Each structure stands twice: as structure tokens, then as C-alpha cells.
Amino acid sequence: KSQELIEFSMGSGYQYDIYFSLENGLTGYSERDNWELAFSTSVDDNNIRINSGSGVTLFEVSSDIADWDEIISIPSDAIQLRNSNEEWESGAFVVNASGELNYGWGNYNPDTQIIEGSKIYIINYGGQSKKIRINSLDNGVFNFTFSNLDGSSELTTSVNTLDYLNKKFIYYSLTNLEIVNREPDSNDWDIVFTKYETDLNAENSQGELFYIVTGALSNSNLVYQYDGFLDVNPENSSIVNNAVYTISSIGWDWKEFGGGGYTIVPNRAYFILNQIENKIYKIFFESFSGGSSGNCSFFIEQTTYDSTSFPEITNNIINIYPNPSQG
């Protein structure tokens, strides 16, 4: 099928997140820095992500929730926690879950089937530092408390994710003390162009080097990066067999900075399956202007694909809820 040029702007300083659907085009245009916490709406997890692209940082400062009043600063042994760029389900609050009954920020109580908070954190955002604890997750409702480090301005509030099951996340602004409904329905986007934190040295042994980048994250779609002549498409079997669900498969490194501006990496395309995995789309980038305007463009085309000729694709994930269970 013919190629279509998609042009959009993230705004000066990358002010907006841009949501894109392979089948329906641009579907969302959301302010990027009007939230600090993102609560998963999935009934299968207790995941909470932070807005790392806007400089939000999170530190675990105690594994005893009874220490709340004693926490007045970041101790020297505080553990910095970061979102995973492999999967949406591993946000900063849950990346160090220890298994058994521990789910990162809390422990699962088999008797009540409630996840009960067990840790205290300090979260930094917009020049502020707050201490925060997640008190519980009970039937889709996250209850949490945050305050200034000296304990003043303490507030306990809740987010009912059951009201937003059609979304991937529902967001909260600690700055404005409000729930922020900012993303399209889960079925209405495949790629979000945004800012996020990544380890630039992840693929070498030179030590961690975390940096905020601008790029594209997928909605857990299967993605295959193809390096070769753009007018030649690989076999469908090669695409399907080598595609991965890693959300940062497209990522940020399809562009390079030099000579005062950005250039697009030549001869690189991405083949992306739609969410029901019966179509393959090819995209390759055409331009990227940087933070002065946030303008970006890419070409997209639907490629020939007969999904019936391949075994059913699955990411081999079985979710059991509640987990753990009593029987």
C-alpha cells in the first residue's frame, strides 16, 4: 500500500506527548509535565510509574512504614528507583519487588486480598521534595499519603482505577492535587512520542549513564527494527520471528545530533504489528527538529501480511488474580 507522511509537533521544549494509532493516525496530544504519578488500571498488578521525562526522581528511604515521622531527609543509603523501559508493568514503585508476598511498595495480605504499604519513599519534582507512602491497593483503589519532609501539609488521598479501565494508566498531579485523565483509550494508540529516562550505557560495560531522551515508546506492540535498504522489505517470517515486545524497541536512537542539528539514521525502518496482531506496518523517520519546535515526521505504510500463515503469536503471559491466591 502507498506510504503516508505523518507530521506532528511535540511543541517547543517537547511540551506535549503525542499518541499515534497505526490504523487511525494521531489520537492524543497531552501535556507532558502535568503529572508525577501514573497508576496502572490493570486488575493484575499494583504498578505505579513516575514521570521521569519531566525530571521526577524516586528514592526508597525505609522498608518500615512505622518510620514515617522520623523521615525528614534523604539518608545516605537511600535507593534510587527508576521505571523500566522494557515493559510498562515495571514502574519505579515496583521494580524492586522481592517476590513471595512483596509487591515492591507493599505486601499482599492473603486474608484480606489487599496489598498493604510497607515502604517509605522520597519523591523529587519541580524543585520540591516530598515523602510518600502507598498505603494500600484494595479492589482497584490506590490509597496514598504524602507530605513535606518535616511532616507538614500531609495529605491522604486515593485514586480509583476502576473508573478508568479503558486506559492503560490514570495519572495524578502532586503539584495540583488532582487526577489527570490524559491518555487515549488503550485500544486507540500504538506509539507515544515522549521524553523518558534511559541508561545510555545499557548495552556496554562502562557503568550506568542515565539521561533523559526524546523518543517513541510502543503500547507493548511487537516491533522489529530493520537496518537495510528502505525499498526492500524483509520476509514476514523474519519480522515475526525477530520482533520483540520491549516498549522502547523504537526508542530514541533513530536520530543523531551533530553540526548543530539532528539527522535521521539512514536505512532504518521499524515493522510494527497492530494490537490484535493481524497487520504489519512499516515506519521510517523523515525528520526531527529538536527541542526548538519539537517537529517530527515519519512515513508509514501497511505491508502485505497473511497472519493465517503463521502460528498464533503470543507473548506467553498468563495472569492469575488474585496472586497469590489461597487455593
C-alpha atoms as a PDB file:
ATOM      1  CA  LYS A   1       0.000   0.000   0.000  1.00  0.00           C
ATOM      2  CA  SER A   2       1.115   3.586  -0.513  1.00  0.00           C
ATOM      3  CA  GLN A   3       3.200   5.470   2.001  1.00  0.00           C
ATOM      4  CA  GLU A   4       1.708   8.256   4.091  1.00  0.00           C
ATOM      5  CA  LEU A   5       3.721  11.094   5.594  1.00  0.00           C
ATOM      6  CA  ILE A   6       2.847  11.785   9.232  1.00  0.00           C
ATOM      7  CA  GLU A   7       3.846  15.191  10.564  1.00  0.00           C
ATOM      8  CA  PHE A   8       3.352  16.429  14.125  1.00  0.00           C
ATOM      9  CA  SER A   9       4.852  18.690  16.759  1.00  0.00           C
ATOM     10  CA  MET A  10       5.657  17.934  20.381  1.00  0.00           C
ATOM     11  CA  GLY A  11       5.939  21.689  20.913  1.00  0.00           C
ATOM     12  CA  SER A  12       8.829  23.835  21.984  1.00  0.00           C
ATOM     13  CA  GLY A  13      10.785  22.016  24.685  1.00  0.00           C
ATOM     14  CA  TYR A  14       8.760  18.866  23.946  1.00  0.00           C
ATOM     15  CA  GLN A  15       5.773  20.243  25.820  1.00  0.00           C
ATOM     16  CA  TYR A  16       3.378  17.530  24.636  1.00  0.00           C
ATOM     17  CA  ASP A  17       3.162  13.762  24.434  1.00  0.00           C
ATOM     18  CA  ILE A  18       1.882  12.663  21.034  1.00  0.00           C
ATOM     19  CA  TYR A  19      -0.154   9.438  20.817  1.00  0.00           C
ATOM     20  CA  PHE A  20      -0.361   7.670  17.473  1.00  0.00           C
ATOM     21  CA  SER A  21      -2.504   4.799  16.227  1.00  0.00           C
ATOM     22  CA  LEU A  22      -1.208   2.704  13.337  1.00  0.00           C
ATOM     23  CA  GLU A  23      -4.697   2.469  11.915  1.00  0.00           C
ATOM     24  CA  ASN A  24      -6.223   5.820  12.885  1.00  0.00           C
ATOM     25  CA  GLY A  25      -3.333   8.296  12.950  1.00  0.00           C
ATOM     26  CA  LEU A  26      -2.819  10.882  15.683  1.00  0.00           C
ATOM     27  CA  THR A  27      -5.173  10.218  18.591  1.00  0.00           C
ATOM     28  CA  GLY A  28      -3.777  12.168  21.557  1.00  0.00           C
ATOM     29  CA  TYR A  29      -1.997  15.412  22.322  1.00  0.00           C
ATOM     30  CA  SER A  30      -1.355  15.655  26.075  1.00  0.00           C
ATOM     31  CA  GLU A  31       0.690  17.992  28.237  1.00  0.00           C
ATOM     32  CA  ARG A  32       3.756  16.075  29.259  1.00  0.00           C
ATOM     33  CA  ASP A  33       4.622  17.600  32.630  1.00  0.00           C
ATOM     34  CA  ASN A  34       1.238  17.940  34.359  1.00  0.00           C
ATOM     35  CA  TRP A  35       1.630  14.736  36.399  1.00  0.00           C
ATOM     36  CA  GLU A  36       4.097  12.928  38.652  1.00  0.00           C
ATOM     37  CA  LEU A  37       2.480   9.516  39.281  1.00  0.00           C
ATOM     38  CA  ALA A  38       0.888   7.054  36.849  1.00  0.00           C
ATOM     39  CA  PHE A  39      -1.282   4.300  38.359  1.00  0.00           C
ATOM     40  CA  SER A  40      -1.887   1.129  36.365  1.00  0.00           C
ATOM     41  CA  THR A  41      -5.541   0.368  35.703  1.00  0.00           C
ATOM     42  CA  SER A  42      -4.880  -3.356  35.238  1.00  0.00           C
ATOM     43  CA  VAL A  43      -6.536  -5.583  37.829  1.00  0.00           C
ATOM     44  CA  ASP A  44      -3.484  -7.835  37.566  1.00  0.00           C
ATOM     45  CA  ASP A  45      -0.872  -5.541  39.082  1.00  0.00           C
ATOM     46  CA  ASN A  46      -0.130  -2.755  41.567  1.00  0.00           C
ATOM     47  CA  ASN A  47       2.173  -0.872  39.224  1.00  0.00           C
ATOM     48  CA  ILE A  48       2.987   2.838  39.656  1.00  0.00           C
ATOM     49  CA  ARG A  49       5.304   4.747  37.311  1.00  0.00           C
ATOM     50  CA  ILE A  50       6.894   8.167  37.748  1.00  0.00           C
ATOM     51  CA  ASN A  51       7.234  10.982  35.208  1.00  0.00           C
ATOM     52  CA  SER A  52      10.962  10.526  34.655  1.00  0.00           C
ATOM     53  CA  GLY A  53      10.825  12.532  31.416  1.00  0.00           C
ATOM     54  CA  SER A  54       9.987  15.621  33.476  1.00  0.00           C
ATOM     55  CA  GLY A  55      12.779  15.013  35.967  1.00  0.00           C
ATOM     56  CA  VAL A  56      10.776  13.230  38.662  1.00  0.00           C
ATOM     57  CA  THR A  57      13.052  11.047  40.817  1.00  0.00           C
ATOM     58  CA  LEU A  58      12.135   8.464  43.461  1.00  0.00           C
ATOM     59  CA  PHE A  59      14.141   7.112  46.404  1.00  0.00           C
ATOM     60  CA  GLU A  60      13.234   4.299  48.775  1.00  0.00           C
ATOM     61  CA  VAL A  61      14.218   5.533  52.227  1.00  0.00           C
ATOM     62  CA  SER A  62      12.722   2.962  54.598  1.00  0.00           C
ATOM     63  CA  SER A  63      11.260  -0.538  54.486  1.00  0.00           C
ATOM     64  CA  ASP A  64       9.373   0.095  57.725  1.00  0.00           C
ATOM     65  CA  ILE A  65       6.277   2.205  57.301  1.00  0.00           C
ATOM     66  CA  ALA A  66       6.377   2.953  61.034  1.00  0.00           C
ATOM     67  CA  ASP A  67       9.384   5.230  60.353  1.00  0.00           C
ATOM     68  CA  TRP A  68       7.142   7.829  58.706  1.00  0.00           C
ATOM     69  CA  ASP A  69       7.540  10.557  61.336  1.00  0.00           C
ATOM     70  CA  GLU A  70      11.307  10.019  61.607  1.00  0.00           C
ATOM     71  CA  ILE A  71      11.960  10.549  57.884  1.00  0.00           C
ATOM     72  CA  ILE A  72      12.977  14.195  57.432  1.00  0.00           C
ATOM     73  CA  SER A  73      15.671  13.930  54.720  1.00  0.00           C
ATOM     74  CA  ILE A  74      17.156  11.525  52.185  1.00  0.00           C
ATOM     75  CA  PRO A  75      19.507   9.173  54.067  1.00  0.00           C
ATOM     76  CA  SER A  76      22.876   8.211  52.590  1.00  0.00           C
ATOM     77  CA  ASP A  77      21.688   4.642  51.957  1.00  0.00           C
ATOM     78  CA  ALA A  78      18.565   5.668  50.013  1.00  0.00           C
ATOM     79  CA  ILE A  79      17.920   3.549  46.916  1.00  0.00           C
ATOM     80  CA  GLN A  80      17.027   5.378  43.705  1.00  0.00           C
ATOM     81  CA  LEU A  81      14.326   3.583  41.756  1.00  0.00           C
ATOM     82  CA  ARG A  82      13.601   4.033  38.052  1.00  0.00           C
ATOM     83  CA  ASN A  83      10.919   2.962  35.598  1.00  0.00           C
ATOM     84  CA  SER A  84      11.706   0.008  33.371  1.00  0.00           C
ATOM     85  CA  ASN A  85      11.931   0.739  29.652  1.00  0.00           C
ATOM     86  CA  GLU A  86      11.359  -2.933  28.890  1.00  0.00           C
ATOM     87  CA  GLU A  87       7.735  -3.107  29.941  1.00  0.00           C
ATOM     88  CA  TRP A  88       5.078  -0.727  31.183  1.00  0.00           C
ATOM     89  CA  GLU A  89       4.278  -3.056  34.077  1.00  0.00           C
ATOM     90  CA  SER A  90       7.564  -2.330  35.904  1.00  0.00           C
ATOM     91  CA  GLY A  91       7.292   1.203  37.241  1.00  0.00           C
ATOM     92  CA  ALA A  92       9.668   2.747  39.761  1.00  0.00           C
ATOM     93  CA  PHE A  93       7.470   1.815  42.746  1.00  0.00           C
ATOM     94  CA  VAL A  94       7.503  -1.909  41.900  1.00  0.00           C
ATOM     95  CA  VAL A  95      10.850  -2.586  40.153  1.00  0.00           C
ATOM     96  CA  ASN A  96      12.436  -3.906  43.354  1.00  0.00           C
ATOM     97  CA  ALA A  97       9.647  -6.286  44.340  1.00  0.00           C
ATOM     98  CA  SER A  98      11.291  -9.181  46.164  1.00  0.00           C
ATOM     99  CA  GLY A  99       8.772 -11.897  45.330  1.00  0.00           C
ATOM    100  CA  GLU A 100       6.792 -14.092  47.674  1.00  0.00           C
ATOM    101  CA  LEU A 101       4.235 -11.652  49.097  1.00  0.00           C
ATOM    102  CA  ASN A 102       6.215  -8.469  48.437  1.00  0.00           C
ATOM    103  CA  TYR A 103       4.990  -6.352  45.530  1.00  0.00           C
ATOM    104  CA  GLY A 104       7.504  -3.512  45.678  1.00  0.00           C
ATOM    105  CA  TRP A 105       5.799  -0.760  47.671  1.00  0.00           C
ATOM    106  CA  GLY A 106       3.682  -3.202  49.681  1.00  0.00           C
ATOM    107  CA  ASN A 107       2.945  -6.738  50.809  1.00  0.00           C
ATOM    108  CA  TYR A 108      -0.029  -8.835  49.783  1.00  0.00           C
ATOM    109  CA  ASN A 109      -2.301  -9.934  52.624  1.00  0.00           C
ATOM    110  CA  PRO A 110      -3.884 -13.278  51.579  1.00  0.00           C
ATOM    111  CA  ASP A 111      -6.588 -12.957  54.214  1.00  0.00           C
ATOM    112  CA  THR A 112      -7.919  -9.594  53.076  1.00  0.00           C
ATOM    113  CA  GLN A 113      -6.629  -9.784  49.461  1.00  0.00           C
ATOM    114  CA  ILE A 114      -5.332  -6.234  49.936  1.00  0.00           C
ATOM    115  CA  ILE A 115      -1.810  -5.045  49.148  1.00  0.00           C
ATOM    116  CA  GLU A 116      -0.698  -3.150  52.238  1.00  0.00           C
ATOM    117  CA  GLY A 117       2.011  -0.492  52.102  1.00  0.00           C
ATOM    118  CA  SER A 118       5.357  -1.369  53.682  1.00  0.00           C
ATOM    119  CA  LYS A 119       7.836   1.229  52.403  1.00  0.00           C
ATOM    120  CA  ILE A 120       8.504   4.949  52.574  1.00  0.00           C
ATOM    121  CA  TYR A 121       9.839   6.982  49.664  1.00  0.00           C
ATOM    122  CA  ILE A 122      11.044  10.471  48.918  1.00  0.00           C
ATOM    123  CA  ILE A 123       9.934  11.865  45.584  1.00  0.00           C
ATOM    124  CA  ASN A 124      11.511  14.919  43.971  1.00  0.00           C
ATOM    125  CA  TYR A 125       9.709  17.013  41.370  1.00  0.00           C
ATOM    126  CA  GLY A 126       9.601  20.632  40.259  1.00  0.00           C
ATOM    127  CA  GLY A 127      12.160  21.713  42.850  1.00  0.00           C
ATOM    128  CA  GLN A 128      10.207  20.072  45.676  1.00  0.00           C
ATOM    129  CA  SER A 129      10.894  17.021  47.834  1.00  0.00           C
ATOM    130  CA  LYS A 130       8.068  15.102  49.496  1.00  0.00           C
ATOM    131  CA  LYS A 131       7.894  11.910  51.461  1.00  0.00           C
ATOM    132  CA  ILE A 132       5.296   9.484  50.194  1.00  0.00           C
ATOM    133  CA  ARG A 133       3.911   6.088  51.077  1.00  0.00           C
ATOM    134  CA  ILE A 134       1.378   3.939  49.257  1.00  0.00           C
ATOM    135  CA  ASN A 135      -0.979   2.799  51.990  1.00  0.00           C
ATOM    136  CA  SER A 136      -2.956   0.147  50.137  1.00  0.00           C
ATOM    137  CA  LEU A 137      -4.453  -1.188  46.952  1.00  0.00           C
ATOM    138  CA  ASP A 138      -7.926  -2.524  47.638  1.00  0.00           C
ATOM    139  CA  ASN A 139     -10.227  -3.541  44.789  1.00  0.00           C
ATOM    140  CA  GLY A 140      -8.660  -1.152  42.301  1.00  0.00           C
ATOM    141  CA  VAL A 141      -8.346   1.798  44.701  1.00  0.00           C
ATOM    142  CA  PHE A 142      -4.845   3.104  45.456  1.00  0.00           C
ATOM    143  CA  ASN A 143      -4.680   4.971  48.766  1.00  0.00           C
ATOM    144  CA  PHE A 144      -1.556   7.030  49.429  1.00  0.00           C
ATOM    145  CA  THR A 145      -0.146   9.719  51.739  1.00  0.00           C
ATOM    146  CA  PHE A 146       2.418  12.414  51.051  1.00  0.00           C
ATOM    147  CA  SER A 147       3.751  15.437  52.922  1.00  0.00           C
ATOM    148  CA  ASN A 148       6.652  17.839  53.180  1.00  0.00           C
ATOM    149  CA  LEU A 149       9.766  16.256  54.669  1.00  0.00           C
ATOM    150  CA  ASP A 150       9.084  17.956  58.007  1.00  0.00           C
ATOM    151  CA  GLY A 151       5.636  16.343  58.063  1.00  0.00           C
ATOM    152  CA  SER A 152       3.698  19.499  57.258  1.00  0.00           C
ATOM    153  CA  SER A 153       0.961  19.701  54.626  1.00  0.00           C
ATOM    154  CA  GLU A 154       0.249  15.980  54.931  1.00  0.00           C
ATOM    155  CA  LEU A 155      -2.484  14.711  52.629  1.00  0.00           C
ATOM    156  CA  THR A 156      -4.028  11.288  52.240  1.00  0.00           C
ATOM    157  CA  THR A 157      -5.969  10.689  49.037  1.00  0.00           C
ATOM    158  CA  SER A 158      -6.976   7.914  46.681  1.00  0.00           C
ATOM    159  CA  VAL A 159      -7.253   7.038  43.003  1.00  0.00           C
ATOM    160  CA  ASN A 160      -9.973   4.624  41.902  1.00  0.00           C
ATOM    161  CA  THR A 161      -8.603   2.915  38.798  1.00  0.00           C
ATOM    162  CA  LEU A 162     -11.906   1.091  38.207  1.00  0.00           C
ATOM    163  CA  ASP A 163     -13.234   4.351  36.769  1.00  0.00           C
ATOM    164  CA  TYR A 164     -10.594   4.224  34.022  1.00  0.00           C
ATOM    165  CA  LEU A 165     -10.330   0.587  32.951  1.00  0.00           C
ATOM    166  CA  ASN A 166     -10.304   1.611  29.294  1.00  0.00           C
ATOM    167  CA  LYS A 167      -6.975   3.392  29.896  1.00  0.00           C
ATOM    168  CA  LYS A 168      -3.525   1.959  30.427  1.00  0.00           C
ATOM    169  CA  PHE A 169      -2.809   4.400  33.265  1.00  0.00           C
ATOM    170  CA  ILE A 170      -4.574   7.081  35.218  1.00  0.00           C
ATOM    171  CA  TYR A 171      -2.365   9.940  36.376  1.00  0.00           C
ATOM    172  CA  TYR A 172      -2.046  12.099  39.473  1.00  0.00           C
ATOM    173  CA  SER A 173      -0.558  15.548  39.937  1.00  0.00           C
ATOM    174  CA  LEU A 174       1.105  16.033  43.319  1.00  0.00           C
ATOM    175  CA  THR A 175       1.558  19.677  42.321  1.00  0.00           C
ATOM    176  CA  ASN A 176      -2.110  20.378  41.624  1.00  0.00           C
ATOM    177  CA  LEU A 177      -3.582  17.680  43.889  1.00  0.00           C
ATOM    178  CA  GLU A 178      -5.775  16.230  41.179  1.00  0.00           C
ATOM    179  CA  ILE A 179      -6.342  13.187  38.997  1.00  0.00           C
ATOM    180  CA  VAL A 180      -5.276  13.779  35.389  1.00  0.00           C
ATOM    181  CA  ASN A 181      -7.063  11.803  32.658  1.00  0.00           C
ATOM    182  CA  ARG A 182      -4.623  12.473  29.840  1.00  0.00           C
ATOM    183  CA  GLU A 183      -4.150   9.476  27.556  1.00  0.00           C
ATOM    184  CA  PRO A 184      -6.361   7.956  24.854  1.00  0.00           C
ATOM    185  CA  ASP A 185      -8.102   4.641  25.451  1.00  0.00           C
ATOM    186  CA  SER A 186      -5.651   1.723  25.412  1.00  0.00           C
ATOM    187  CA  ASN A 187      -7.000   0.428  22.102  1.00  0.00           C
ATOM    188  CA  ASP A 188      -6.592   3.833  20.450  1.00  0.00           C
ATOM    189  CA  TRP A 189      -2.810   4.158  20.393  1.00  0.00           C
ATOM    190  CA  ASP A 190       0.235   2.103  19.440  1.00  0.00           C
ATOM    191  CA  ILE A 191       3.082   4.605  19.870  1.00  0.00           C
ATOM    192  CA  VAL A 192       3.622   7.567  22.191  1.00  0.00           C
ATOM    193  CA  PHE A 193       6.263  10.161  21.394  1.00  0.00           C
ATOM    194  CA  THR A 194       7.547  11.422  24.725  1.00  0.00           C
ATOM    195  CA  LYS A 195      10.523  12.062  26.972  1.00  0.00           C
ATOM    196  CA  TYR A 196      11.801   9.347  29.277  1.00  0.00           C
ATOM    197  CA  GLU A 197      14.918   8.360  31.188  1.00  0.00           C
ATOM    198  CA  THR A 198      17.235   5.679  29.836  1.00  0.00           C
ATOM    199  CA  ASP A 199      20.662   4.215  30.509  1.00  0.00           C
ATOM    200  CA  LEU A 200      22.857   5.246  27.577  1.00  0.00           C
ATOM    201  CA  ASN A 201      25.398   2.578  28.540  1.00  0.00           C
ATOM    202  CA  ALA A 202      22.881  -0.253  28.877  1.00  0.00           C
ATOM    203  CA  GLU A 203      24.495  -2.224  26.044  1.00  0.00           C
ATOM    204  CA  ASN A 204      28.103  -1.896  27.221  1.00  0.00           C
ATOM    205  CA  SER A 205      30.062  -2.351  30.440  1.00  0.00           C
ATOM    206  CA  GLN A 206      31.061   1.258  31.022  1.00  0.00           C
ATOM    207  CA  GLY A 207      28.756   1.765  34.009  1.00  0.00           C
ATOM    208  CA  GLU A 208      25.320   3.340  34.205  1.00  0.00           C
ATOM    209  CA  LEU A 209      24.751   6.660  32.463  1.00  0.00           C
ATOM    210  CA  PHE A 210      21.149   7.760  32.886  1.00  0.00           C
ATOM    211  CA  TYR A 211      19.905  10.525  30.635  1.00  0.00           C
ATOM    212  CA  ILE A 212      16.525  11.959  29.619  1.00  0.00           C
ATOM    213  CA  VAL A 213      15.876  11.320  25.928  1.00  0.00           C
ATOM    214  CA  THR A 214      13.099  12.060  23.453  1.00  0.00           C
ATOM    215  CA  GLY A 215      11.752   9.097  21.562  1.00  0.00           C
ATOM    216  CA  ALA A 216       8.949   6.657  20.847  1.00  0.00           C
ATOM    217  CA  LEU A 217       7.556   4.004  23.197  1.00  0.00           C
ATOM    218  CA  SER A 218       5.149   1.342  21.970  1.00  0.00           C
ATOM    219  CA  ASN A 219       1.929   0.173  23.597  1.00  0.00           C
ATOM    220  CA  SER A 220       3.507  -3.261  24.153  1.00  0.00           C
ATOM    221  CA  ASN A 221       3.297  -3.937  20.403  1.00  0.00           C
ATOM    222  CA  LEU A 222       5.571  -6.407  18.655  1.00  0.00           C
ATOM    223  CA  VAL A 223       8.314  -4.344  16.959  1.00  0.00           C
ATOM    224  CA  TYR A 224      11.150  -5.364  14.641  1.00  0.00           C
ATOM    225  CA  GLN A 225      13.996  -2.966  13.886  1.00  0.00           C
ATOM    226  CA  TYR A 226      15.215  -3.423  10.323  1.00  0.00           C
ATOM    227  CA  ASP A 227      18.515  -1.999   9.111  1.00  0.00           C
ATOM    228  CA  GLY A 228      18.693  -2.208   5.333  1.00  0.00           C
ATOM    229  CA  PHE A 229      17.577  -0.554   2.129  1.00  0.00           C
ATOM    230  CA  LEU A 230      14.223   1.082   2.729  1.00  0.00           C
ATOM    231  CA  ASP A 231      12.789  -0.025  -0.608  1.00  0.00           C
ATOM    232  CA  VAL A 232      13.351  -3.684   0.300  1.00  0.00           C
ATOM    233  CA  ASN A 233      11.174  -5.302   2.956  1.00  0.00           C
ATOM    234  CA  PRO A 234      12.302  -8.393   4.871  1.00  0.00           C
ATOM    235  CA  GLU A 235      10.258 -11.572   4.754  1.00  0.00           C
ATOM    236  CA  ASN A 236       7.268 -11.672   7.059  1.00  0.00           C
ATOM    237  CA  SER A 237       8.765 -14.684   8.822  1.00  0.00           C
ATOM    238  CA  SER A 238      11.892 -12.671   9.624  1.00  0.00           C
ATOM    239  CA  ILE A 239       9.787  -9.840  11.037  1.00  0.00           C
ATOM    240  CA  VAL A 240       7.593 -12.061  13.190  1.00  0.00           C
ATOM    241  CA  ASN A 241      10.420 -14.266  14.445  1.00  0.00           C
ATOM    242  CA  ASN A 242      12.645 -11.342  15.437  1.00  0.00           C
ATOM    243  CA  ALA A 243      10.111  -8.835  16.726  1.00  0.00           C
ATOM    244  CA  VAL A 244      10.079  -8.074  20.461  1.00  0.00           C
ATOM    245  CA  TYR A 245       7.564  -6.644  22.915  1.00  0.00           C
ATOM    246  CA  THR A 246      10.103  -4.283  24.524  1.00  0.00           C
ATOM    247  CA  ILE A 247       8.314  -0.927  24.749  1.00  0.00           C
ATOM    248  CA  SER A 248      11.457   1.044  23.837  1.00  0.00           C
ATOM    249  CA  SER A 249      12.146  -1.009  20.688  1.00  0.00           C
ATOM    250  CA  ILE A 250      11.782   2.138  18.581  1.00  0.00           C
ATOM    251  CA  GLY A 251      13.223   4.309  21.302  1.00  0.00           C
ATOM    252  CA  TRP A 252      15.316   7.425  20.723  1.00  0.00           C
ATOM    253  CA  ASP A 253      18.351   6.361  18.650  1.00  0.00           C
ATOM    254  CA  TRP A 254      16.774   6.617  15.177  1.00  0.00           C
ATOM    255  CA  LYS A 255      18.230  10.135  15.135  1.00  0.00           C
ATOM    256  CA  GLU A 256      21.691  11.574  15.697  1.00  0.00           C
ATOM    257  CA  PHE A 257      22.814  15.004  16.836  1.00  0.00           C
ATOM    258  CA  GLY A 258      25.703  16.781  15.183  1.00  0.00           C
ATOM    259  CA  GLY A 259      26.631  20.027  13.495  1.00  0.00           C
ATOM    260  CA  GLY A 260      24.004  21.921  15.437  1.00  0.00           C
ATOM    261  CA  GLY A 261      21.061  19.794  14.347  1.00  0.00           C
ATOM    262  CA  TYR A 262      19.560  16.329  14.049  1.00  0.00           C
ATOM    263  CA  THR A 263      19.880  13.861  11.201  1.00  0.00           C
ATOM    264  CA  ILE A 264      17.900  10.653  10.756  1.00  0.00           C
ATOM    265  CA  VAL A 265      19.825   7.360  10.879  1.00  0.00           C
ATOM    266  CA  PRO A 266      19.795   6.157   7.248  1.00  0.00           C
ATOM    267  CA  ASN A 267      18.376   2.824   6.089  1.00  0.00           C
ATOM    268  CA  ARG A 268      16.471   2.053   9.254  1.00  0.00           C
ATOM    269  CA  ALA A 269      12.827   1.077   9.453  1.00  0.00           C
ATOM    270  CA  TYR A 270      10.572  -0.385  12.108  1.00  0.00           C
ATOM    271  CA  PHE A 271       7.974  -3.055  11.424  1.00  0.00           C
ATOM    272  CA  ILE A 272       5.160  -2.951  13.967  1.00  0.00           C
ATOM    273  CA  LEU A 273       2.237  -5.305  14.444  1.00  0.00           C
ATOM    274  CA  ASN A 274      -1.068  -3.764  15.421  1.00  0.00           C
ATOM    275  CA  GLN A 275      -2.559  -4.716  18.762  1.00  0.00           C
ATOM    276  CA  ILE A 276      -4.581  -7.684  17.520  1.00  0.00           C
ATOM    277  CA  GLU A 277      -1.518  -8.752  15.503  1.00  0.00           C
ATOM    278  CA  ASN A 278      -3.195  -9.275  12.134  1.00  0.00           C
ATOM    279  CA  LYS A 279      -1.478  -6.379  10.308  1.00  0.00           C
ATOM    280  CA  ILE A 280       2.107  -5.185   9.943  1.00  0.00           C
ATOM    281  CA  TYR A 281       3.010  -1.538   9.466  1.00  0.00           C
ATOM    282  CA  LYS A 282       6.353  -0.162   8.363  1.00  0.00           C
ATOM    283  CA  ILE A 283       7.545   3.219   9.590  1.00  0.00           C
ATOM    284  CA  PHE A 284      10.739   5.115   8.915  1.00  0.00           C
ATOM    285  CA  PHE A 285      11.601   8.602  10.086  1.00  0.00           C
ATOM    286  CA  GLU A 286      11.929  11.558   7.759  1.00  0.00           C
ATOM    287  CA  SER A 287      12.834  14.494  10.047  1.00  0.00           C
ATOM    288  CA  PHE A 288      13.353  15.618  13.627  1.00  0.00           C
ATOM    289  CA  SER A 289      13.932  19.260  14.539  1.00  0.00           C
ATOM    290  CA  GLY A 290      14.863  19.023  18.217  1.00  0.00           C
ATOM    291  CA  GLY A 291      13.531  20.991  21.156  1.00  0.00           C
ATOM    292  CA  SER A 292      13.230  24.368  19.436  1.00  0.00           C
ATOM    293  CA  SER A 293       9.956  23.336  17.802  1.00  0.00           C
ATOM    294  CA  GLY A 294       9.542  19.633  18.602  1.00  0.00           C
ATOM    295  CA  ASN A 295       8.611  18.927  14.985  1.00  0.00           C
ATOM    296  CA  CYS A 296       8.916  15.347  13.758  1.00  0.00           C
ATOM    297  CA  SER A 297       7.803  13.370  10.717  1.00  0.00           C
ATOM    298  CA  PHE A 298       7.837   9.792   9.524  1.00  0.00           C
ATOM    299  CA  PHE A 299       6.442   7.680   6.721  1.00  0.00           C
ATOM    300  CA  ILE A 300       4.070   4.797   7.382  1.00  0.00           C
ATOM    301  CA  GLU A 301       2.702   2.079   5.145  1.00  0.00           C
ATOM    302  CA  GLN A 302       0.819  -1.140   5.704  1.00  0.00           C
ATOM    303  CA  THR A 303       2.791  -4.078   4.333  1.00  0.00           C
ATOM    304  CA  THR A 304       1.477  -7.313   2.888  1.00  0.00           C
ATOM    305  CA  TYR A 305       0.904  -9.804   5.677  1.00  0.00           C
ATOM    306  CA  ASP A 306      -1.062 -13.024   5.848  1.00  0.00           C
ATOM    307  CA  SER A 307      -1.355 -13.747   9.554  1.00  0.00           C
ATOM    308  CA  THR A 308      -3.003 -17.114   8.882  1.00  0.00           C
ATOM    309  CA  SER A 309       0.288 -18.471   7.539  1.00  0.00           C
ATOM    310  CA  PHE A 310       1.952 -18.147  10.940  1.00  0.00           C
ATOM    311  CA  PRO A 311       1.246 -19.777  14.278  1.00  0.00           C
ATOM    312  CA  GLU A 312      -0.723 -17.552  16.602  1.00  0.00           C
ATOM    313  CA  ILE A 313       1.622 -15.004  18.156  1.00  0.00           C
ATOM    314  CA  THR A 314       1.591 -14.784  21.912  1.00  0.00           C
ATOM    315  CA  ASN A 315       3.788 -13.113  24.472  1.00  0.00           C
ATOM    316  CA  ASN A 316       3.333 -16.165  26.708  1.00  0.00           C
ATOM    317  CA  ILE A 317       1.965 -14.258  29.674  1.00  0.00           C
ATOM    318  CA  ILE A 318      -0.722 -15.797  31.854  1.00  0.00           C
ATOM    319  CA  ASN A 319      -2.147 -13.524  34.544  1.00  0.00           C
ATOM    320  CA  ILE A 320      -3.719 -15.020  37.658  1.00  0.00           C
ATOM    321  CA  TYR A 321      -5.668 -12.777  40.019  1.00  0.00           C
ATOM    322  CA  PRO A 322      -5.565 -12.532  42.938  1.00  0.00           C
ATOM    323  CA  ASN A 323      -1.918 -13.504  43.050  1.00  0.00           C
ATOM    324  CA  PRO A 324      -1.001 -15.123  45.377  1.00  0.00           C
ATOM    325  CA  SER A 325      -4.247 -16.958  45.955  1.00  0.00           C
ATOM    326  CA  GLN A 326      -5.341 -19.211  48.762  1.00  0.00           C
ATOM    327  CA  GLY A 327      -6.124 -22.211  46.638  1.00  0.00           C
END
